[in-house]
Amino acid sequence: MILLWSATIVPDASCVGEIYSLLNFVLERSISAEAGLRVALFITCYNDTLFPDTGKAVVRVLERLGHTVEFPAGQTCCGQMHYNTGYQAEAMPLLQRFVAQFKAAEAVVVPSSSCVAMMRDHYPKMAAEIGDKQLIADVEELLPKVFEFSEFLTRRLGLTDVGAHYPHRVTYHASCHGLRNLGLGDGPVKLLRAVHGIDLVELQGLEQCCGFGGTFAVKNADVSAAMLADKMTAVLATGAEACTACDNSCLMHIQGALHRQNTGVKTLHLAEILAGEEGVAK
């Protein structure tokens, strides 16, 4: 792609920055759009039942970038809750169903790092345990095509600026599965830094767990509550209007504490910020 323009003098440095940012987005988008990927969305249980706006936001972002999003209607759960609480045999049909639903996809995008961690960490072992050679082969072929949402944008598409606009003060919480299991690193932060109008404030103790951990919050309620109190203190210290993350399970936990103390701080998934557009209220 070749861009031709005549010389233009711009007296305002901030305008120059905006122009270069826009040009960078146009170039990135053209590269992404050329791929025209057929992306299958695995919505996850949390998002399907409690946070449907996250799924809608993922679709808006991917379609804005020129990709086709499909939603296999027969999808259910990844099996994480079953597997982590000792019901490993009951998780097997969910693995088999996931493979059947998504094996034909060009790419699978999941707005949850914990679900992707379940797949990468346990699906190969589960398939091997029952000795199903076809399932082992299917899992081996499918897993490289499965991505957490931010990971898909930064690593599969090579993007940071997705043309988002969100004029609010925001802080980012790194969920344990994304940080430790998937190794997302600063990928989500790079995406947030490129959002137009955002005031991104670093969260102290970014790498510290929020205390949720699925059934951990139930079985170890006192420890979970203490960890949550520390996380809430850090969030409030930023003065942020919103706290974001790649996992709505963490955000549900954090939002509970913020709401109970009437802080006025809201939580929203990273995809919802990246789906923001100028002139559209959020």
C-alpha atoms as a PDB file:
ATOM      1  CA  MET A   1       0.000   0.000   0.000  1.00  0.00           C
ATOM      2  CA  ILE A   2       1.501   3.397  -1.048  1.00  0.00           C
ATOM      3  CA  LEU A   3       0.369   6.722   0.417  1.00  0.00           C
ATOM      4  CA  LEU A   4       1.178   9.921  -1.491  1.00  0.00           C
ATOM      5  CA  TRP A   5       0.741  13.395  -0.069  1.00  0.00           C
ATOM      6  CA  SER A   6       2.212  16.867  -0.529  1.00  0.00           C
ATOM      7  CA  ALA A   7       4.074  18.641   2.259  1.00  0.00           C
ATOM      8  CA  THR A   8       1.868  20.270   4.895  1.00  0.00           C
ATOM      9  CA  ILE A   9       2.960  22.552   7.731  1.00  0.00           C
ATOM     10  CA  VAL A  10       1.183  21.865  11.032  1.00  0.00           C
ATOM     11  CA  PRO A  11       1.953  24.407  13.796  1.00  0.00           C
ATOM     12  CA  ASP A  12       0.563  22.340  16.698  1.00  0.00           C
ATOM     13  CA  ALA A  13       2.676  19.400  17.942  1.00  0.00           C
ATOM     14  CA  SER A  14      -0.366  17.686  19.454  1.00  0.00           C
ATOM     15  CA  CYS A  15      -2.045  17.742  16.041  1.00  0.00           C
ATOM     16  CA  VAL A  16       1.030  16.151  14.494  1.00  0.00           C
ATOM     17  CA  GLY A  17       0.840  13.397  17.087  1.00  0.00           C
ATOM     18  CA  GLU A  18      -2.810  12.776  16.319  1.00  0.00           C
ATOM     19  CA  ILE A  19      -2.095  12.675  12.580  1.00  0.00           C
ATOM     20  CA  TYR A  20       0.700  10.135  12.974  1.00  0.00           C
ATOM     21  CA  SER A  21      -1.494   8.059  15.284  1.00  0.00           C
ATOM     22  CA  LEU A  22      -4.288   8.071  12.718  1.00  0.00           C
ATOM     23  CA  LEU A  23      -1.925   7.133   9.884  1.00  0.00           C
ATOM     24  CA  ASN A  24      -0.507   4.316  11.989  1.00  0.00           C
ATOM     25  CA  PHE A  25      -4.028   2.994  12.658  1.00  0.00           C
ATOM     26  CA  VAL A  26      -4.961   3.175   8.976  1.00  0.00           C
ATOM     27  CA  LEU A  27      -1.847   1.250   7.979  1.00  0.00           C
ATOM     28  CA  GLU A  28      -2.313  -1.350  10.739  1.00  0.00           C
ATOM     29  CA  ARG A  29      -5.960  -1.757   9.843  1.00  0.00           C
ATOM     30  CA  SER A  30      -5.199  -2.225   6.159  1.00  0.00           C
ATOM     31  CA  ILE A  31      -2.710  -4.965   6.983  1.00  0.00           C
ATOM     32  CA  SER A  32      -5.201  -6.667   9.302  1.00  0.00           C
ATOM     33  CA  ALA A  33      -8.095  -6.309   6.879  1.00  0.00           C
ATOM     34  CA  GLU A  34      -6.094  -7.896   4.062  1.00  0.00           C
ATOM     35  CA  ALA A  35      -6.006 -11.126   6.064  1.00  0.00           C
ATOM     36  CA  GLY A  36      -9.813 -11.198   6.250  1.00  0.00           C
ATOM     37  CA  LEU A  37      -9.776 -13.939   8.872  1.00  0.00           C
ATOM     38  CA  ARG A  38     -12.797 -16.060   9.713  1.00  0.00           C
ATOM     39  CA  VAL A  39     -12.829 -15.864  13.505  1.00  0.00           C
ATOM     40  CA  ALA A  40     -14.919 -18.109  15.751  1.00  0.00           C
ATOM     41  CA  LEU A  41     -15.955 -16.564  19.082  1.00  0.00           C
ATOM     42  CA  PHE A  42     -15.950 -18.759  22.195  1.00  0.00           C
ATOM     43  CA  ILE A  43     -17.972 -16.601  24.533  1.00  0.00           C
ATOM     44  CA  THR A  44     -17.338 -18.434  27.875  1.00  0.00           C
ATOM     45  CA  CYS A  45     -19.874 -19.091  30.639  1.00  0.00           C
ATOM     46  CA  TYR A  46     -19.280 -15.844  32.547  1.00  0.00           C
ATOM     47  CA  ASN A  47     -19.757 -13.642  29.534  1.00  0.00           C
ATOM     48  CA  ASP A  48     -22.710 -15.589  28.183  1.00  0.00           C
ATOM     49  CA  THR A  49     -24.691 -15.458  31.418  1.00  0.00           C
ATOM     50  CA  LEU A  50     -23.459 -12.312  33.193  1.00  0.00           C
ATOM     51  CA  PHE A  51     -21.505 -10.038  30.834  1.00  0.00           C
ATOM     52  CA  PRO A  52     -22.989 -10.229  27.315  1.00  0.00           C
ATOM     53  CA  ASP A  53     -21.705  -6.732  26.479  1.00  0.00           C
ATOM     54  CA  THR A  54     -18.189  -8.153  26.438  1.00  0.00           C
ATOM     55  CA  GLY A  55     -19.048 -10.561  23.636  1.00  0.00           C
ATOM     56  CA  LYS A  56     -20.707  -7.785  21.664  1.00  0.00           C
ATOM     57  CA  ALA A  57     -17.626  -5.612  22.131  1.00  0.00           C
ATOM     58  CA  VAL A  58     -15.314  -8.352  20.845  1.00  0.00           C
ATOM     59  CA  VAL A  59     -17.434  -8.633  17.706  1.00  0.00           C
ATOM     60  CA  ARG A  60     -17.391  -4.848  17.153  1.00  0.00           C
ATOM     61  CA  VAL A  61     -13.610  -4.672  17.427  1.00  0.00           C
ATOM     62  CA  LEU A  62     -12.941  -7.626  15.127  1.00  0.00           C
ATOM     63  CA  GLU A  63     -15.446  -6.486  12.515  1.00  0.00           C
ATOM     64  CA  ARG A  64     -13.994  -2.964  12.627  1.00  0.00           C
ATOM     65  CA  LEU A  65     -10.656  -4.550  11.750  1.00  0.00           C
ATOM     66  CA  GLY A  66     -12.157  -6.291   8.741  1.00  0.00           C
ATOM     67  CA  HIS A  67     -12.622  -9.832  10.027  1.00  0.00           C
ATOM     68  CA  THR A  68     -15.669 -12.092   9.901  1.00  0.00           C
ATOM     69  CA  VAL A  69     -16.921 -13.310  13.273  1.00  0.00           C
ATOM     70  CA  GLU A  70     -18.822 -16.551  13.628  1.00  0.00           C
ATOM     71  CA  PHE A  71     -20.577 -17.892  16.721  1.00  0.00           C
ATOM     72  CA  PRO A  72     -20.904 -21.698  16.852  1.00  0.00           C
ATOM     73  CA  ALA A  73     -24.292 -22.066  18.533  1.00  0.00           C
ATOM     74  CA  GLY A  74     -23.534 -25.487  19.997  1.00  0.00           C
ATOM     75  CA  GLN A  75     -20.731 -24.252  22.249  1.00  0.00           C
ATOM     76  CA  THR A  76     -20.984 -24.712  26.015  1.00  0.00           C
ATOM     77  CA  CYS A  77     -18.342 -24.622  28.778  1.00  0.00           C
ATOM     78  CA  CYS A  78     -14.583 -25.203  28.508  1.00  0.00           C
ATOM     79  CA  GLY A  79     -14.764 -27.498  31.548  1.00  0.00           C
ATOM     80  CA  GLN A  80     -12.534 -25.436  33.828  1.00  0.00           C
ATOM     81  CA  MET A  81     -14.918 -25.406  36.789  1.00  0.00           C
ATOM     82  CA  HIS A  82     -15.385 -29.168  36.610  1.00  0.00           C
ATOM     83  CA  TYR A  83     -11.695 -29.975  36.158  1.00  0.00           C
ATOM     84  CA  ASN A  84     -10.440 -27.668  38.922  1.00  0.00           C
ATOM     85  CA  THR A  85     -12.873 -29.033  41.500  1.00  0.00           C
ATOM     86  CA  GLY A  86     -12.117 -32.703  40.924  1.00  0.00           C
ATOM     87  CA  TYR A  87     -14.781 -33.586  38.356  1.00  0.00           C
ATOM     88  CA  GLN A  88     -12.268 -34.400  35.647  1.00  0.00           C
ATOM     89  CA  ALA A  89     -14.311 -37.178  34.064  1.00  0.00           C
ATOM     90  CA  GLU A  90     -17.253 -34.803  33.719  1.00  0.00           C
ATOM     91  CA  ALA A  91     -15.000 -32.266  31.974  1.00  0.00           C
ATOM     92  CA  MET A  92     -14.124 -34.719  29.185  1.00  0.00           C
ATOM     93  CA  PRO A  93     -17.379 -34.366  27.190  1.00  0.00           C
ATOM     94  CA  LEU A  94     -16.893 -30.583  27.278  1.00  0.00           C
ATOM     95  CA  LEU A  95     -13.429 -30.934  25.775  1.00  0.00           C
ATOM     96  CA  GLN A  96     -14.823 -33.186  23.055  1.00  0.00           C
ATOM     97  CA  ARG A  97     -17.646 -30.766  22.361  1.00  0.00           C
ATOM     98  CA  PHE A  98     -15.291 -27.792  22.143  1.00  0.00           C
ATOM     99  CA  VAL A  99     -13.135 -29.601  19.589  1.00  0.00           C
ATOM    100  CA  ALA A 100     -16.178 -30.608  17.533  1.00  0.00           C
ATOM    101  CA  GLN A 101     -17.531 -27.051  17.531  1.00  0.00           C
ATOM    102  CA  PHE A 102     -14.299 -25.211  16.721  1.00  0.00           C
ATOM    103  CA  LYS A 103     -11.930 -27.528  14.848  1.00  0.00           C
ATOM    104  CA  ALA A 104     -12.872 -26.041  11.468  1.00  0.00           C
ATOM    105  CA  ALA A 105     -12.234 -22.445  12.591  1.00  0.00           C
ATOM    106  CA  GLU A 106      -9.434 -20.395  11.113  1.00  0.00           C
ATOM    107  CA  ALA A 107      -8.937 -18.759  14.509  1.00  0.00           C
ATOM    108  CA  VAL A 108     -10.747 -18.967  17.846  1.00  0.00           C
ATOM    109  CA  VAL A 109     -10.951 -15.861  20.048  1.00  0.00           C
ATOM    110  CA  VAL A 110     -11.796 -16.116  23.747  1.00  0.00           C
ATOM    111  CA  PRO A 111     -12.380 -13.044  25.963  1.00  0.00           C
ATOM    112  CA  SER A 112     -11.054 -14.887  29.021  1.00  0.00           C
ATOM    113  CA  SER A 113      -7.473 -15.839  29.818  1.00  0.00           C
ATOM    114  CA  SER A 114      -8.558 -18.400  32.420  1.00  0.00           C
ATOM    115  CA  CYS A 115     -10.497 -20.423  29.848  1.00  0.00           C
ATOM    116  CA  VAL A 116      -7.608 -20.341  27.372  1.00  0.00           C
ATOM    117  CA  ALA A 117      -5.234 -21.392  30.169  1.00  0.00           C
ATOM    118  CA  MET A 118      -7.517 -24.343  30.909  1.00  0.00           C
ATOM    119  CA  MET A 119      -7.349 -25.419  27.275  1.00  0.00           C
ATOM    120  CA  ARG A 120      -3.591 -25.061  26.879  1.00  0.00           C
ATOM    121  CA  ASP A 121      -2.661 -26.536  30.251  1.00  0.00           C
ATOM    122  CA  HIS A 122      -5.122 -29.409  30.482  1.00  0.00           C
ATOM    123  CA  TYR A 123      -6.683 -30.355  27.139  1.00  0.00           C
ATOM    124  CA  PRO A 124      -3.581 -32.211  25.868  1.00  0.00           C
ATOM    125  CA  LYS A 125      -3.333 -34.156  29.147  1.00  0.00           C
ATOM    126  CA  MET A 126      -7.039 -34.959  29.139  1.00  0.00           C
ATOM    127  CA  ALA A 127      -6.941 -36.263  25.577  1.00  0.00           C
ATOM    128  CA  ALA A 128      -3.844 -38.337  26.331  1.00  0.00           C
ATOM    129  CA  GLU A 129      -5.396 -39.843  29.453  1.00  0.00           C
ATOM    130  CA  ILE A 130      -8.173 -41.550  27.499  1.00  0.00           C
ATOM    131  CA  GLY A 131      -5.818 -42.587  24.721  1.00  0.00           C
ATOM    132  CA  ASP A 132      -8.034 -41.294  21.913  1.00  0.00           C
ATOM    133  CA  LYS A 133      -5.547 -40.787  19.070  1.00  0.00           C
ATOM    134  CA  GLN A 134      -7.968 -38.777  16.954  1.00  0.00           C
ATOM    135  CA  LEU A 135      -8.815 -36.475  19.859  1.00  0.00           C
ATOM    136  CA  ILE A 136      -5.119 -36.054  20.661  1.00  0.00           C
ATOM    137  CA  ALA A 137      -4.460 -35.056  17.050  1.00  0.00           C
ATOM    138  CA  ASP A 138      -7.476 -32.721  16.936  1.00  0.00           C
ATOM    139  CA  VAL A 139      -6.422 -30.957  20.144  1.00  0.00           C
ATOM    140  CA  GLU A 140      -2.863 -30.602  18.882  1.00  0.00           C
ATOM    141  CA  GLU A 141      -4.106 -29.040  15.651  1.00  0.00           C
ATOM    142  CA  LEU A 142      -6.712 -26.764  17.255  1.00  0.00           C
ATOM    143  CA  LEU A 143      -4.875 -25.253  20.234  1.00  0.00           C
ATOM    144  CA  PRO A 144      -2.410 -23.132  18.187  1.00  0.00           C
ATOM    145  CA  LYS A 145      -5.450 -21.417  16.669  1.00  0.00           C
ATOM    146  CA  VAL A 146      -6.991 -20.519  20.061  1.00  0.00           C
ATOM    147  CA  PHE A 147      -6.230 -17.030  21.412  1.00  0.00           C
ATOM    148  CA  GLU A 148      -7.208 -14.891  24.352  1.00  0.00           C
ATOM    149  CA  PHE A 149      -8.729 -11.673  22.937  1.00  0.00           C
ATOM    150  CA  SER A 150      -5.863  -9.244  23.609  1.00  0.00           C
ATOM    151  CA  GLU A 151      -3.350 -11.897  22.587  1.00  0.00           C
ATOM    152  CA  PHE A 152      -5.119 -12.305  19.252  1.00  0.00           C
ATOM    153  CA  LEU A 153      -4.845  -8.580  18.571  1.00  0.00           C
ATOM    154  CA  THR A 154      -1.217  -8.131  19.591  1.00  0.00           C
ATOM    155  CA  ARG A 155       0.364 -11.462  18.625  1.00  0.00           C
ATOM    156  CA  ARG A 156      -1.772 -12.921  15.859  1.00  0.00           C
ATOM    157  CA  LEU A 157      -2.618  -9.641  14.120  1.00  0.00           C
ATOM    158  CA  GLY A 158       0.383  -7.626  15.298  1.00  0.00           C
ATOM    159  CA  LEU A 159      -1.729  -4.625  16.319  1.00  0.00           C
ATOM    160  CA  THR A 160      -1.735  -2.175  19.189  1.00  0.00           C
ATOM    161  CA  ASP A 161      -3.905   0.678  17.881  1.00  0.00           C
ATOM    162  CA  VAL A 162      -7.365  -0.631  16.961  1.00  0.00           C
ATOM    163  CA  GLY A 163      -8.936   2.795  16.511  1.00  0.00           C
ATOM    164  CA  ALA A 164     -10.565   2.930  19.945  1.00  0.00           C
ATOM    165  CA  HIS A 165     -11.712   6.100  21.718  1.00  0.00           C
ATOM    166  CA  TYR A 166     -12.373   6.143  25.468  1.00  0.00           C
ATOM    167  CA  PRO A 167     -11.922   9.548  27.157  1.00  0.00           C
ATOM    168  CA  HIS A 168     -11.761   8.385  30.782  1.00  0.00           C
ATOM    169  CA  ARG A 169      -9.244   7.724  33.552  1.00  0.00           C
ATOM    170  CA  VAL A 170      -8.605   3.969  33.628  1.00  0.00           C
ATOM    171  CA  THR A 171      -6.432   1.503  35.513  1.00  0.00           C
ATOM    172  CA  TYR A 172      -5.613  -2.053  34.434  1.00  0.00           C
ATOM    173  CA  HIS A 173      -5.587  -5.220  36.575  1.00  0.00           C
ATOM    174  CA  ALA A 174      -3.532  -8.157  35.241  1.00  0.00           C
ATOM    175  CA  SER A 175      -5.362 -11.398  35.951  1.00  0.00           C
ATOM    176  CA  CYS A 176      -3.302 -14.350  37.194  1.00  0.00           C
ATOM    177  CA  HIS A 177      -4.058 -16.679  34.278  1.00  0.00           C
ATOM    178  CA  GLY A 178      -3.192 -14.020  31.720  1.00  0.00           C
ATOM    179  CA  LEU A 179      -0.044 -12.909  33.501  1.00  0.00           C
ATOM    180  CA  ARG A 180       1.321 -16.281  34.610  1.00  0.00           C
ATOM    181  CA  ASN A 181      -0.210 -18.985  32.433  1.00  0.00           C
ATOM    182  CA  LEU A 182      -0.492 -17.200  29.088  1.00  0.00           C
ATOM    183  CA  GLY A 183       2.378 -14.756  29.527  1.00  0.00           C
ATOM    184  CA  LEU A 184       0.408 -11.834  28.086  1.00  0.00           C
ATOM    185  CA  GLY A 185       3.002  -9.424  29.469  1.00  0.00           C
ATOM    186  CA  ASP A 186       2.370  -5.803  28.552  1.00  0.00           C
ATOM    187  CA  GLY A 187       0.232  -6.631  25.512  1.00  0.00           C
ATOM    188  CA  PRO A 188      -3.035  -5.436  27.090  1.00  0.00           C
ATOM    189  CA  VAL A 189      -1.319  -2.281  28.365  1.00  0.00           C
ATOM    190  CA  LYS A 190       0.005  -1.490  24.885  1.00  0.00           C
ATOM    191  CA  LEU A 191      -3.539  -1.772  23.534  1.00  0.00           C
ATOM    192  CA  LEU A 192      -4.799   0.579  26.239  1.00  0.00           C
ATOM    193  CA  ARG A 193      -2.029   3.130  25.685  1.00  0.00           C
ATOM    194  CA  ALA A 194      -3.069   3.399  22.043  1.00  0.00           C
ATOM    195  CA  VAL A 195      -6.695   4.221  22.924  1.00  0.00           C
ATOM    196  CA  HIS A 196      -7.474   7.810  21.947  1.00  0.00           C
ATOM    197  CA  GLY A 197      -8.456  10.083  24.829  1.00  0.00           C
ATOM    198  CA  ILE A 198      -7.666   7.606  27.595  1.00  0.00           C
ATOM    199  CA  ASP A 199      -5.872   8.569  30.816  1.00  0.00           C
ATOM    200  CA  LEU A 200      -4.201   5.281  31.769  1.00  0.00           C
ATOM    201  CA  VAL A 201      -2.886   5.085  35.343  1.00  0.00           C
ATOM    202  CA  GLU A 202      -0.612   2.259  36.480  1.00  0.00           C
ATOM    203  CA  LEU A 203      -2.001   0.057  39.258  1.00  0.00           C
ATOM    204  CA  GLN A 204       0.341  -0.563  42.194  1.00  0.00           C
ATOM    205  CA  GLY A 205       0.757  -4.279  42.823  1.00  0.00           C
ATOM    206  CA  LEU A 206      -0.339  -4.975  39.260  1.00  0.00           C
ATOM    207  CA  GLU A 207       0.883  -8.566  39.468  1.00  0.00           C
ATOM    208  CA  GLN A 208      -0.955  -9.344  42.715  1.00  0.00           C
ATOM    209  CA  CYS A 209      -4.028 -11.594  42.638  1.00  0.00           C
ATOM    210  CA  CYS A 210      -7.421 -10.012  43.312  1.00  0.00           C
ATOM    211  CA  GLY A 211      -8.367 -12.980  45.508  1.00  0.00           C
ATOM    212  CA  PHE A 212     -11.054 -14.533  43.346  1.00  0.00           C
ATOM    213  CA  GLY A 213      -9.615 -17.734  41.912  1.00  0.00           C
ATOM    214  CA  GLY A 214     -12.973 -19.354  41.221  1.00  0.00           C
ATOM    215  CA  THR A 215     -13.912 -21.668  44.105  1.00  0.00           C
ATOM    216  CA  PHE A 216     -10.904 -20.325  46.062  1.00  0.00           C
ATOM    217  CA  ALA A 217     -13.053 -17.330  47.019  1.00  0.00           C
ATOM    218  CA  VAL A 218     -15.626 -19.712  48.513  1.00  0.00           C
ATOM    219  CA  LYS A 219     -13.310 -22.235  50.160  1.00  0.00           C
ATOM    220  CA  ASN A 220     -10.924 -19.582  51.516  1.00  0.00           C
ATOM    221  CA  ALA A 221     -13.276 -16.653  51.989  1.00  0.00           C
ATOM    222  CA  ASP A 222     -11.243 -14.797  54.626  1.00  0.00           C
ATOM    223  CA  VAL A 223      -8.007 -14.910  52.639  1.00  0.00           C
ATOM    224  CA  SER A 224      -9.873 -13.959  49.480  1.00  0.00           C
ATOM    225  CA  ALA A 225     -11.477 -10.965  51.200  1.00  0.00           C
ATOM    226  CA  ALA A 226      -8.117  -9.736  52.505  1.00  0.00           C
ATOM    227  CA  MET A 227      -6.575  -9.964  49.027  1.00  0.00           C
ATOM    228  CA  LEU A 228      -9.558  -8.157  47.568  1.00  0.00           C
ATOM    229  CA  ALA A 229      -9.243  -5.354  50.125  1.00  0.00           C
ATOM    230  CA  ASP A 230      -5.633  -4.771  49.065  1.00  0.00           C
ATOM    231  CA  LYS A 231      -6.621  -4.735  45.406  1.00  0.00           C
ATOM    232  CA  MET A 232      -9.475  -2.292  46.022  1.00  0.00           C
ATOM    233  CA  THR A 233      -7.143   0.038  47.945  1.00  0.00           C
ATOM    234  CA  ALA A 234      -4.765   0.050  44.989  1.00  0.00           C
ATOM    235  CA  VAL A 235      -7.573   0.726  42.501  1.00  0.00           C
ATOM    236  CA  LEU A 236      -8.935   3.636  44.517  1.00  0.00           C
ATOM    237  CA  ALA A 237      -5.448   5.138  44.914  1.00  0.00           C
ATOM    238  CA  THR A 238      -5.272   5.641  41.138  1.00  0.00           C
ATOM    239  CA  GLY A 239      -8.296   7.931  41.087  1.00  0.00           C
ATOM    240  CA  ALA A 240      -9.544   5.965  38.087  1.00  0.00           C
ATOM    241  CA  GLU A 241     -13.118   6.111  36.867  1.00  0.00           C
ATOM    242  CA  ALA A 242     -12.884   2.510  35.691  1.00  0.00           C
ATOM    243  CA  CYS A 243     -10.852  -0.634  36.280  1.00  0.00           C
ATOM    244  CA  THR A 244     -10.351  -2.974  33.346  1.00  0.00           C
ATOM    245  CA  ALA A 245      -8.933  -6.473  32.854  1.00  0.00           C
ATOM    246  CA  CYS A 246      -8.953  -9.371  30.404  1.00  0.00           C
ATOM    247  CA  ASP A 247     -11.154 -11.521  32.691  1.00  0.00           C
ATOM    248  CA  ASN A 248     -14.654 -10.702  33.863  1.00  0.00           C
ATOM    249  CA  SER A 249     -14.312 -13.185  36.732  1.00  0.00           C
ATOM    250  CA  CYS A 250     -11.690 -10.916  38.331  1.00  0.00           C
ATOM    251  CA  LEU A 251     -13.719  -7.830  37.487  1.00  0.00           C
ATOM    252  CA  MET A 252     -16.874  -9.277  39.055  1.00  0.00           C
ATOM    253  CA  HIS A 253     -14.934  -9.848  42.284  1.00  0.00           C
ATOM    254  CA  ILE A 254     -13.423  -6.350  42.255  1.00  0.00           C
ATOM    255  CA  GLN A 255     -16.706  -4.709  41.292  1.00  0.00           C
ATOM    256  CA  GLY A 256     -18.456  -6.361  44.234  1.00  0.00           C
ATOM    257  CA  ALA A 257     -16.154  -4.610  46.687  1.00  0.00           C
ATOM    258  CA  LEU A 258     -16.241  -1.287  44.837  1.00  0.00           C
ATOM    259  CA  HIS A 259     -20.033  -1.369  44.727  1.00  0.00           C
ATOM    260  CA  ARG A 260     -20.498  -2.336  48.386  1.00  0.00           C
ATOM    261  CA  GLN A 261     -18.497   0.715  49.438  1.00  0.00           C
ATOM    262  CA  ASN A 262     -20.247   3.057  46.993  1.00  0.00           C
ATOM    263  CA  THR A 263     -16.979   4.152  45.389  1.00  0.00           C
ATOM    264  CA  GLY A 264     -18.524   5.067  42.041  1.00  0.00           C
ATOM    265  CA  VAL A 265     -15.706   3.249  40.225  1.00  0.00           C
ATOM    266  CA  LYS A 266     -16.927   0.858  37.551  1.00  0.00           C
ATOM    267  CA  THR A 267     -15.349  -2.175  35.962  1.00  0.00           C
ATOM    268  CA  LEU A 268     -15.418  -3.210  32.319  1.00  0.00           C
ATOM    269  CA  HIS A 269     -13.640  -5.729  30.151  1.00  0.00           C
ATOM    270  CA  LEU A 270     -10.748  -4.611  27.955  1.00  0.00           C
ATOM    271  CA  ALA A 271     -12.837  -5.398  24.865  1.00  0.00           C
ATOM    272  CA  GLU A 272     -15.466  -2.849  25.910  1.00  0.00           C
ATOM    273  CA  ILE A 273     -12.847  -0.094  26.029  1.00  0.00           C
ATOM    274  CA  LEU A 274     -11.348  -1.128  22.692  1.00  0.00           C
ATOM    275  CA  ALA A 275     -14.821  -1.126  21.148  1.00  0.00           C
ATOM    276  CA  GLY A 276     -15.291   2.531  22.081  1.00  0.00           C
ATOM    277  CA  GLU A 277     -15.668   4.987  19.224  1.00  0.00           C
ATOM    278  CA  GLU A 278     -15.544   8.760  19.163  1.00  0.00           C
ATOM    279  CA  GLY A 279     -18.987  10.307  19.376  1.00  0.00           C
ATOM    280  CA  VAL A 280     -20.498   7.188  20.939  1.00  0.00           C
ATOM    281  CA  ALA A 281     -21.329   7.633  24.631  1.00  0.00           C
ATOM    282  CA  LYS A 282     -20.048   4.962  27.008  1.00  0.00           C
END
